[in-house]
Amino acid sequence: MAGRQVVVGLGNPGPEYRDTRHNVGQRVLDSLARTLGKPWRRDGAAVLARGQWRGEPLCLIKPQAFMNACGPVVAKALRRVEAGPAELILVYDDIDLPLGTVRIRMKGSHGGHNGVRSVIEALGTQEIRRVKVGVGRPDSKDDVPDHVLAPFERDELPAVDAAVAEAAERVLSLVA
């Protein structure tokens, strides 16, 4: 299917992780699915929403695998929708960006993000477009696992909601 764009939102499966910092990428995909007016459907080890954006086929994918092991699920889902790394846009949390900041990168290393590392290893390339959403860095490196697995604080939600909306817009600009 030439021209199909695929957006993958990284996160952890299960309701206990839904509102955590690590799942902000999947939050962005939920926003995109609402914009497209398309429902989520289970497809193997992922959930997909398929639609169109400005006449272009668009597939949204939320891997149902833990972040550190999501690469094989992403690779298999790409094969199932007949797309490759060149059609992929990866959306995920970034502790090196201040809360609410959104950045686009067209390629590069995993930058210490284990989910991105897993995807790069599974796809065999760093040539992956990314939309990164800042979730802030904890004071101590030892606190990173607890930080990314914690829900956002109530006073952070306006910045998170604005970043999710901006990230969704940035994804659609990459698709167009």
N, C-alpha and C. Protein backbone atom coordinates (compact mmCIF):
# COMPACT_ATOMS: atom_id res chain seq x y z
N MET A 1 0.84 -1.19 0.00
CA MET A 1 0.00 0.00 0.00
C MET A 1 0.88 1.24 0.00
N ALA A 2 1.28 1.66 -1.15
CA ALA A 2 2.15 2.82 -1.26
C ALA A 2 1.47 4.05 -0.67
N GLY A 3 2.25 4.84 0.05
CA GLY A 3 1.73 6.08 0.57
C GLY A 3 1.13 5.98 1.96
N ARG A 4 0.91 4.76 2.45
CA ARG A 4 0.32 4.63 3.79
C ARG A 4 1.31 5.15 4.82
N GLN A 5 0.84 6.02 5.69
CA GLN A 5 1.63 6.49 6.81
C GLN A 5 1.18 5.74 8.05
N VAL A 6 2.14 5.39 8.91
CA VAL A 6 1.84 4.65 10.12
C VAL A 6 2.38 5.43 11.32
N VAL A 7 1.53 5.63 12.31
CA VAL A 7 1.93 6.33 13.53
C VAL A 7 1.84 5.33 14.67
N VAL A 8 2.95 5.17 15.38
CA VAL A 8 3.01 4.25 16.52
C VAL A 8 3.22 5.08 17.79
N GLY A 9 2.34 4.87 18.76
CA GLY A 9 2.47 5.52 20.06
C GLY A 9 3.00 4.53 21.07
N LEU A 10 4.15 4.84 21.65
CA LEU A 10 4.74 3.92 22.62
C LEU A 10 4.10 4.10 23.99
N GLY A 11 4.08 3.00 24.74
CA GLY A 11 3.54 3.00 26.09
C GLY A 11 3.55 1.58 26.63
N ASN A 12 2.95 1.42 27.79
CA ASN A 12 2.82 0.10 28.40
C ASN A 12 1.35 -0.30 28.37
N PRO A 13 1.07 -1.61 28.22
CA PRO A 13 -0.32 -2.05 28.17
C PRO A 13 -0.96 -2.10 29.56
N GLY A 14 -2.26 -1.99 29.59
CA GLY A 14 -3.00 -2.15 30.84
C GLY A 14 -3.47 -0.83 31.41
N PRO A 15 -4.64 -0.88 32.06
CA PRO A 15 -5.23 0.36 32.60
C PRO A 15 -4.37 1.02 33.68
N GLU A 16 -3.56 0.24 34.38
CA GLU A 16 -2.73 0.83 35.45
C GLU A 16 -1.65 1.75 34.89
N TYR A 17 -1.34 1.66 33.60
CA TYR A 17 -0.31 2.49 32.99
C TYR A 17 -0.88 3.62 32.12
N ARG A 18 -2.20 3.59 31.87
CA ARG A 18 -2.81 4.48 30.89
C ARG A 18 -2.44 5.95 31.10
N ASP A 19 -2.45 6.43 32.34
CA ASP A 19 -2.25 7.85 32.59
C ASP A 19 -0.82 8.20 33.04
N THR A 20 0.12 7.28 32.80
CA THR A 20 1.50 7.54 33.23
C THR A 20 2.26 8.35 32.18
N ARG A 21 3.39 8.89 32.60
CA ARG A 21 4.24 9.68 31.70
C ARG A 21 4.72 8.83 30.52
N HIS A 22 5.04 7.57 30.78
CA HIS A 22 5.54 6.69 29.72
C HIS A 22 4.50 6.45 28.63
N ASN A 23 3.23 6.69 28.92
CA ASN A 23 2.17 6.41 27.96
C ASN A 23 1.67 7.66 27.24
N VAL A 24 2.41 8.75 27.32
CA VAL A 24 1.96 9.98 26.66
C VAL A 24 1.91 9.78 25.14
N GLY A 25 2.75 8.91 24.58
CA GLY A 25 2.70 8.64 23.14
C GLY A 25 1.36 8.02 22.75
N GLN A 26 0.85 7.13 23.59
CA GLN A 26 -0.44 6.52 23.30
C GLN A 26 -1.58 7.51 23.52
N ARG A 27 -1.37 8.45 24.42
CA ARG A 27 -2.35 9.52 24.62
C ARG A 27 -2.49 10.35 23.35
N VAL A 28 -1.36 10.62 22.71
CA VAL A 28 -1.37 11.37 21.44
C VAL A 28 -2.16 10.57 20.39
N LEU A 29 -1.95 9.26 20.33
CA LEU A 29 -2.67 8.45 19.35
C LEU A 29 -4.17 8.41 19.64
N ASP A 30 -4.55 8.42 20.91
CA ASP A 30 -5.98 8.48 21.24
C ASP A 30 -6.57 9.78 20.70
N SER A 31 -5.83 10.88 20.83
CA SER A 31 -6.28 12.16 20.29
C SER A 31 -6.42 12.09 18.76
N LEU A 32 -5.45 11.47 18.10
CA LEU A 32 -5.51 11.33 16.64
C LEU A 32 -6.70 10.47 16.21
N ALA A 33 -6.96 9.38 16.94
CA ALA A 33 -8.09 8.52 16.60
C ALA A 33 -9.41 9.29 16.73
N ARG A 34 -9.51 10.16 17.75
CA ARG A 34 -10.72 10.99 17.88
C ARG A 34 -10.82 11.96 16.71
N THR A 35 -9.70 12.56 16.29
CA THR A 35 -9.69 13.48 15.15
C THR A 35 -10.16 12.77 13.89
N LEU A 36 -9.68 11.54 13.69
CA LEU A 36 -10.05 10.77 12.50
C LEU A 36 -11.45 10.16 12.61
N GLY A 37 -11.98 10.13 13.84
CA GLY A 37 -13.29 9.52 14.07
C GLY A 37 -13.28 8.02 13.86
N LYS A 38 -12.16 7.39 14.20
CA LYS A 38 -12.01 5.95 13.97
C LYS A 38 -11.84 5.20 15.28
N PRO A 39 -12.46 4.01 15.39
CA PRO A 39 -12.35 3.21 16.61
C PRO A 39 -11.06 2.37 16.62
N TRP A 40 -10.68 1.96 17.82
CA TRP A 40 -9.55 1.05 17.98
C TRP A 40 -10.04 -0.38 17.82
N ARG A 41 -9.22 -1.21 17.15
CA ARG A 41 -9.53 -2.64 16.98
C ARG A 41 -8.27 -3.45 17.28
N ARG A 42 -8.48 -4.55 17.98
CA ARG A 42 -7.35 -5.44 18.31
C ARG A 42 -6.85 -6.12 17.05
N ASP A 43 -5.53 -6.19 16.88
CA ASP A 43 -4.92 -6.88 15.74
C ASP A 43 -3.64 -7.51 16.26
N GLY A 44 -3.71 -8.77 16.66
CA GLY A 44 -2.54 -9.44 17.21
C GLY A 44 -2.13 -8.78 18.51
N ALA A 45 -0.84 -8.41 18.61
CA ALA A 45 -0.31 -7.82 19.83
C ALA A 45 -0.33 -6.29 19.77
N ALA A 46 -1.29 -5.75 19.02
CA ALA A 46 -1.42 -4.29 18.91
C ALA A 46 -2.90 -3.94 18.76
N VAL A 47 -3.21 -2.67 18.99
CA VAL A 47 -4.53 -2.16 18.63
C VAL A 47 -4.32 -1.11 17.55
N LEU A 48 -5.20 -1.14 16.55
CA LEU A 48 -5.07 -0.28 15.37
C LEU A 48 -6.33 0.54 15.17
N ALA A 49 -6.12 1.72 14.62
CA ALA A 49 -7.22 2.55 14.12
C ALA A 49 -6.79 2.99 12.72
N ARG A 50 -7.64 2.72 11.73
CA ARG A 50 -7.31 3.05 10.35
C ARG A 50 -8.25 4.12 9.83
N GLY A 51 -7.65 5.08 9.12
CA GLY A 51 -8.45 6.15 8.56
C GLY A 51 -7.71 6.84 7.44
N GLN A 52 -8.10 8.07 7.19
CA GLN A 52 -7.44 8.88 6.17
C GLN A 52 -7.24 10.28 6.71
N TRP A 53 -6.16 10.90 6.27
CA TRP A 53 -5.91 12.29 6.59
C TRP A 53 -5.60 13.00 5.27
N ARG A 54 -6.46 13.93 4.91
CA ARG A 54 -6.30 14.67 3.66
C ARG A 54 -6.11 13.73 2.47
N GLY A 55 -6.92 12.67 2.46
CA GLY A 55 -6.91 11.73 1.35
C GLY A 55 -5.82 10.67 1.42
N GLU A 56 -4.93 10.76 2.40
CA GLU A 56 -3.85 9.78 2.53
C GLU A 56 -4.22 8.72 3.55
N PRO A 57 -3.98 7.43 3.24
CA PRO A 57 -4.25 6.38 4.23
C PRO A 57 -3.36 6.58 5.46
N LEU A 58 -3.96 6.42 6.63
CA LEU A 58 -3.24 6.61 7.89
C LEU A 58 -3.63 5.48 8.83
N CYS A 59 -2.62 4.84 9.41
CA CYS A 59 -2.84 3.75 10.35
C CYS A 59 -2.19 4.13 11.68
N LEU A 60 -2.98 4.09 12.75
CA LEU A 60 -2.48 4.36 14.10
C LEU A 60 -2.31 3.02 14.81
N ILE A 61 -1.18 2.86 15.49
CA ILE A 61 -0.89 1.58 16.16
C ILE A 61 -0.42 1.83 17.59
N LYS A 62 -1.06 1.13 18.53
CA LYS A 62 -0.59 1.12 19.92
C LYS A 62 -0.16 -0.31 20.23
N PRO A 63 1.18 -0.55 20.31
CA PRO A 63 1.66 -1.90 20.65
C PRO A 63 1.15 -2.28 22.05
N GLN A 64 0.73 -3.53 22.19
CA GLN A 64 0.29 -4.02 23.49
C GLN A 64 1.39 -4.90 24.08
N ALA A 65 2.55 -4.28 24.20
CA ALA A 65 3.73 -4.94 24.77
C ALA A 65 4.41 -3.92 25.66
N PHE A 66 5.15 -4.40 26.65
CA PHE A 66 5.84 -3.46 27.52
C PHE A 66 6.91 -2.70 26.74
N MET A 67 7.09 -1.46 27.13
CA MET A 67 7.96 -0.51 26.43
C MET A 67 9.29 -1.12 26.01
N ASN A 68 9.99 -1.77 26.94
CA ASN A 68 11.34 -2.26 26.65
C ASN A 68 11.37 -3.39 25.63
N ALA A 69 10.20 -3.98 25.34
CA ALA A 69 10.13 -5.12 24.41
C ALA A 69 9.14 -4.86 23.27
N CYS A 70 8.89 -3.60 22.96
CA CYS A 70 7.86 -3.28 21.97
C CYS A 70 8.34 -3.39 20.53
N GLY A 71 9.64 -3.39 20.28
CA GLY A 71 10.17 -3.40 18.93
C GLY A 71 9.65 -4.51 18.04
N PRO A 72 9.71 -5.78 18.49
CA PRO A 72 9.19 -6.86 17.65
C PRO A 72 7.70 -6.70 17.33
N VAL A 73 6.92 -6.19 18.27
CA VAL A 73 5.49 -5.97 18.03
C VAL A 73 5.30 -4.88 16.96
N VAL A 74 6.10 -3.81 17.06
CA VAL A 74 6.03 -2.73 16.07
C VAL A 74 6.42 -3.27 14.69
N ALA A 75 7.50 -4.05 14.62
CA ALA A 75 7.95 -4.60 13.34
C ALA A 75 6.87 -5.48 12.72
N LYS A 76 6.25 -6.33 13.53
CA LYS A 76 5.21 -7.23 13.01
C LYS A 76 3.99 -6.43 12.56
N ALA A 77 3.60 -5.42 13.33
CA ALA A 77 2.45 -4.60 12.96
C ALA A 77 2.72 -3.86 11.64
N LEU A 78 3.94 -3.36 11.45
CA LEU A 78 4.28 -2.69 10.19
C LEU A 78 4.15 -3.66 9.02
N ARG A 79 4.64 -4.89 9.20
CA ARG A 79 4.49 -5.89 8.13
C ARG A 79 3.03 -6.15 7.83
N ARG A 80 2.20 -6.25 8.87
CA ARG A 80 0.77 -6.56 8.68
C ARG A 80 0.05 -5.46 7.91
N VAL A 81 0.50 -4.20 8.07
CA VAL A 81 -0.16 -3.10 7.35
C VAL A 81 0.63 -2.71 6.09
N GLU A 82 1.61 -3.56 5.74
CA GLU A 82 2.40 -3.38 4.52
C GLU A 82 3.09 -2.03 4.46
N ALA A 83 3.79 -1.71 5.55
CA ALA A 83 4.55 -0.46 5.63
C ALA A 83 5.94 -0.78 6.18
N GLY A 84 6.85 0.14 5.98
CA GLY A 84 8.21 -0.03 6.48
C GLY A 84 8.62 1.16 7.32
N PRO A 85 9.88 1.17 7.75
CA PRO A 85 10.37 2.26 8.59
C PRO A 85 10.21 3.65 7.95
N ALA A 86 10.28 3.73 6.62
CA ALA A 86 10.16 5.03 5.94
C ALA A 86 8.77 5.63 6.10
N GLU A 87 7.76 4.80 6.36
CA GLU A 87 6.39 5.29 6.53
C GLU A 87 6.03 5.51 8.00
N LEU A 88 6.95 5.20 8.89
CA LEU A 88 6.68 5.22 10.34
C LEU A 88 6.95 6.58 10.96
N ILE A 89 6.03 6.96 11.85
CA ILE A 89 6.24 8.10 12.77
C ILE A 89 6.07 7.53 14.17
N LEU A 90 7.09 7.66 15.00
CA LEU A 90 7.08 7.13 16.37
C LEU A 90 6.78 8.28 17.33
N VAL A 91 5.84 8.09 18.24
CA VAL A 91 5.46 9.12 19.21
C VAL A 91 5.73 8.56 20.61
N TYR A 92 6.47 9.34 21.42
CA TYR A 92 6.84 8.82 22.74
C TYR A 92 7.24 9.93 23.70
N ASP A 93 7.37 9.54 24.97
CA ASP A 93 7.77 10.45 26.04
C ASP A 93 9.27 10.68 26.00
N ASP A 94 9.69 11.87 26.47
CA ASP A 94 11.12 12.18 26.54
C ASP A 94 11.42 12.92 27.84
N ILE A 95 12.21 12.30 28.71
CA ILE A 95 12.54 12.93 30.00
C ILE A 95 13.56 14.05 29.83
N ASP A 96 14.21 14.13 28.69
CA ASP A 96 15.21 15.18 28.48
C ASP A 96 14.59 16.48 27.97
N LEU A 97 13.27 16.47 27.76
CA LEU A 97 12.56 17.69 27.37
C LEU A 97 11.71 18.15 28.54
N PRO A 98 11.62 19.46 28.75
CA PRO A 98 10.75 19.96 29.82
C PRO A 98 9.30 19.53 29.60
N LEU A 99 8.57 19.39 30.68
CA LEU A 99 7.16 19.00 30.61
C LEU A 99 6.42 19.89 29.62
N GLY A 100 5.72 19.25 28.69
CA GLY A 100 4.89 19.98 27.75
C GLY A 100 5.58 20.41 26.46
N THR A 101 6.88 20.17 26.35
CA THR A 101 7.61 20.52 25.14
C THR A 101 7.45 19.41 24.10
N VAL A 102 7.31 19.79 22.84
CA VAL A 102 7.18 18.81 21.76
C VAL A 102 8.30 19.06 20.75
N ARG A 103 8.98 18.01 20.34
CA ARG A 103 10.06 18.11 19.36
C ARG A 103 9.92 17.05 18.30
N ILE A 104 10.32 17.39 17.09
CA ILE A 104 10.36 16.43 15.99
C ILE A 104 11.82 16.12 15.69
N ARG A 105 12.12 14.85 15.45
CA ARG A 105 13.43 14.43 14.94
C ARG A 105 13.16 13.52 13.75
N MET A 106 13.95 13.65 12.73
CA MET A 106 13.73 12.86 11.52
C MET A 106 14.49 11.54 11.56
N LYS A 107 15.50 11.44 12.44
CA LYS A 107 16.28 10.21 12.59
C LYS A 107 17.20 10.39 13.79
N GLY A 108 17.92 9.35 14.16
CA GLY A 108 18.89 9.47 15.23
C GLY A 108 18.89 8.28 16.15
N SER A 109 19.72 8.37 17.18
CA SER A 109 19.86 7.27 18.13
C SER A 109 18.64 7.21 19.04
N HIS A 110 18.62 6.21 19.91
CA HIS A 110 17.52 6.04 20.86
C HIS A 110 17.58 7.03 22.00
N GLY A 111 18.74 7.67 22.21
CA GLY A 111 18.87 8.67 23.26
C GLY A 111 18.60 8.14 24.66
N GLY A 112 18.81 6.84 24.87
CA GLY A 112 18.60 6.26 26.19
C GLY A 112 17.18 5.79 26.44
N HIS A 113 16.29 5.97 25.48
CA HIS A 113 14.88 5.53 25.64
C HIS A 113 14.78 4.06 25.24
N ASN A 114 14.43 3.20 26.20
CA ASN A 114 14.44 1.76 25.94
C ASN A 114 13.40 1.32 24.91
N GLY A 115 12.28 1.99 24.85
CA GLY A 115 11.28 1.66 23.84
C GLY A 115 11.78 1.97 22.44
N VAL A 116 12.40 3.14 22.29
CA VAL A 116 12.96 3.52 21.00
C VAL A 116 14.11 2.58 20.63
N ARG A 117 14.93 2.22 21.61
CA ARG A 117 16.01 1.27 21.38
C ARG A 117 15.45 -0.04 20.83
N SER A 118 14.38 -0.54 21.43
CA SER A 118 13.77 -1.80 21.01
C SER A 118 13.26 -1.69 19.57
N VAL A 119 12.64 -0.56 19.21
CA VAL A 119 12.12 -0.37 17.85
C VAL A 119 13.28 -0.29 16.85
N ILE A 120 14.31 0.47 17.18
CA ILE A 120 15.48 0.59 16.28
C ILE A 120 16.11 -0.78 16.05
N GLU A 121 16.28 -1.55 17.13
CA GLU A 121 16.88 -2.89 16.99
C GLU A 121 16.01 -3.80 16.13
N ALA A 122 14.69 -3.76 16.33
CA ALA A 122 13.79 -4.64 15.58
C ALA A 122 13.70 -4.26 14.11
N LEU A 123 13.79 -2.95 13.81
CA LEU A 123 13.67 -2.50 12.43
C LEU A 123 15.03 -2.40 11.73
N GLY A 124 16.10 -2.41 12.51
CA GLY A 124 17.44 -2.36 11.93
C GLY A 124 17.81 -1.02 11.33
N THR A 125 17.18 0.07 11.80
CA THR A 125 17.51 1.40 11.28
C THR A 125 17.19 2.47 12.31
N GLN A 126 17.96 3.57 12.25
CA GLN A 126 17.69 4.75 13.06
C GLN A 126 16.94 5.79 12.24
N GLU A 127 16.68 5.47 10.97
CA GLU A 127 16.00 6.40 10.06
C GLU A 127 14.49 6.33 10.31
N ILE A 128 14.08 6.83 11.46
CA ILE A 128 12.67 6.79 11.88
C ILE A 128 12.29 8.20 12.31
N ARG A 129 11.19 8.70 11.75
CA ARG A 129 10.68 10.01 12.17
C ARG A 129 10.08 9.87 13.57
N ARG A 130 10.31 10.91 14.40
CA ARG A 130 9.82 10.83 15.78
C ARG A 130 9.16 12.14 16.18
N VAL A 131 8.14 12.02 17.02
CA VAL A 131 7.55 13.16 17.70
C VAL A 131 7.70 12.84 19.19
N LYS A 132 8.50 13.68 19.87
CA LYS A 132 8.81 13.44 21.27
C LYS A 132 8.05 14.45 22.13
N VAL A 133 7.48 13.95 23.23
CA VAL A 133 6.72 14.79 24.14
C VAL A 133 7.45 14.84 25.48
N GLY A 134 7.82 16.04 25.89
CA GLY A 134 8.56 16.20 27.14
C GLY A 134 7.72 15.89 28.36
N VAL A 135 8.28 15.07 29.24
CA VAL A 135 7.61 14.72 30.50
C VAL A 135 8.44 15.15 31.71
N GLY A 136 9.55 15.87 31.45
CA GLY A 136 10.38 16.34 32.54
C GLY A 136 11.27 15.25 33.12
N ARG A 137 12.36 15.68 33.73
CA ARG A 137 13.32 14.75 34.31
C ARG A 137 13.26 14.84 35.83
N PRO A 138 13.31 13.69 36.50
CA PRO A 138 13.36 13.73 37.97
C PRO A 138 14.72 14.24 38.45
N ASP A 139 14.80 14.58 39.73
CA ASP A 139 16.04 15.12 40.28
C ASP A 139 17.19 14.13 40.24
N SER A 140 16.89 12.85 40.45
CA SER A 140 17.93 11.83 40.51
C SER A 140 17.73 10.80 39.40
N LYS A 141 18.85 10.34 38.82
CA LYS A 141 18.78 9.31 37.80
C LYS A 141 18.12 8.04 38.34
N ASP A 142 18.32 7.77 39.62
CA ASP A 142 17.71 6.59 40.25
C ASP A 142 16.18 6.66 40.26
N ASP A 143 15.64 7.87 40.13
CA ASP A 143 14.19 8.07 40.18
C ASP A 143 13.52 7.96 38.81
N VAL A 144 14.30 7.76 37.73
CA VAL A 144 13.71 7.74 36.38
C VAL A 144 12.63 6.68 36.23
N PRO A 145 12.87 5.41 36.62
CA PRO A 145 11.79 4.41 36.44
C PRO A 145 10.49 4.80 37.15
N ASP A 146 10.60 5.26 38.39
CA ASP A 146 9.38 5.67 39.12
C ASP A 146 8.74 6.89 38.46
N HIS A 147 9.56 7.80 37.97
CA HIS A 147 9.06 9.02 37.33
C HIS A 147 8.23 8.70 36.09
N VAL A 148 8.77 7.88 35.19
CA VAL A 148 8.06 7.62 33.94
C VAL A 148 6.84 6.72 34.14
N LEU A 149 6.83 5.94 35.23
CA LEU A 149 5.69 5.06 35.50
C LEU A 149 4.66 5.71 36.43
N ALA A 150 4.89 6.97 36.78
CA ALA A 150 3.95 7.69 37.65
C ALA A 150 2.97 8.49 36.79
N PRO A 151 1.75 8.64 37.29
CA PRO A 151 0.80 9.49 36.57
C PRO A 151 1.23 10.96 36.70
N PHE A 152 0.72 11.77 35.80
CA PHE A 152 0.98 13.21 35.87
C PHE A 152 0.28 13.78 37.09
N GLU A 153 0.88 14.81 37.66
CA GLU A 153 0.24 15.52 38.78
C GLU A 153 -0.89 16.38 38.22
N ARG A 154 -1.88 16.65 39.05
CA ARG A 154 -3.04 17.42 38.61
C ARG A 154 -2.62 18.77 38.01
N ASP A 155 -1.65 19.45 38.63
CA ASP A 155 -1.25 20.77 38.12
C ASP A 155 -0.44 20.67 36.81
N GLU A 156 -0.02 19.47 36.43
CA GLU A 156 0.70 19.27 35.17
C GLU A 156 -0.23 19.03 33.99
N LEU A 157 -1.48 18.65 34.28
CA LEU A 157 -2.39 18.23 33.21
C LEU A 157 -2.65 19.28 32.13
N PRO A 158 -2.80 20.57 32.47
CA PRO A 158 -2.99 21.54 31.38
C PRO A 158 -1.80 21.55 30.39
N ALA A 159 -0.58 21.46 30.89
CA ALA A 159 0.60 21.43 30.01
C ALA A 159 0.63 20.13 29.21
N VAL A 160 0.24 19.02 29.84
CA VAL A 160 0.22 17.72 29.15
C VAL A 160 -0.84 17.74 28.05
N ASP A 161 -2.03 18.23 28.36
CA ASP A 161 -3.10 18.28 27.36
C ASP A 161 -2.69 19.15 26.17
N ALA A 162 -2.06 20.28 26.45
CA ALA A 162 -1.59 21.17 25.37
C ALA A 162 -0.52 20.48 24.54
N ALA A 163 0.39 19.75 25.19
CA ALA A 163 1.46 19.05 24.47
C ALA A 163 0.89 17.91 23.63
N VAL A 164 -0.11 17.20 24.14
CA VAL A 164 -0.74 16.12 23.37
C VAL A 164 -1.39 16.70 22.12
N ALA A 165 -2.09 17.82 22.26
CA ALA A 165 -2.72 18.46 21.10
C ALA A 165 -1.67 18.93 20.10
N GLU A 166 -0.58 19.53 20.59
CA GLU A 166 0.49 19.99 19.70
C GLU A 166 1.17 18.81 19.01
N ALA A 167 1.43 17.74 19.76
CA ALA A 167 2.07 16.56 19.17
C ALA A 167 1.19 15.95 18.09
N ALA A 168 -0.12 15.89 18.32
CA ALA A 168 -1.05 15.36 17.32
C ALA A 168 -0.98 16.22 16.05
N GLU A 169 -0.95 17.55 16.21
CA GLU A 169 -0.83 18.45 15.05
C GLU A 169 0.48 18.22 14.31
N ARG A 170 1.56 18.03 15.05
CA ARG A 170 2.87 17.80 14.43
C ARG A 170 2.88 16.49 13.64
N VAL A 171 2.24 15.45 14.21
CA VAL A 171 2.13 14.17 13.49
C VAL A 171 1.41 14.39 12.18
N LEU A 172 0.28 15.07 12.23
CA LEU A 172 -0.50 15.28 11.00
C LEU A 172 0.26 16.13 10.00
N SER A 173 1.10 17.05 10.47
CA SER A 173 1.91 17.83 9.53
C SER A 173 2.97 16.95 8.86
N LEU A 174 3.49 15.95 9.59
CA LEU A 174 4.44 15.01 9.00
C LEU A 174 3.74 14.10 7.98
N VAL A 175 2.51 13.72 8.28
CA VAL A 175 1.73 12.87 7.37
C VAL A 175 1.46 13.62 6.07
N ALA A 176 1.07 14.90 6.19
CA ALA A 176 0.75 15.72 5.02
C ALA A 176 2.03 16.00 4.25
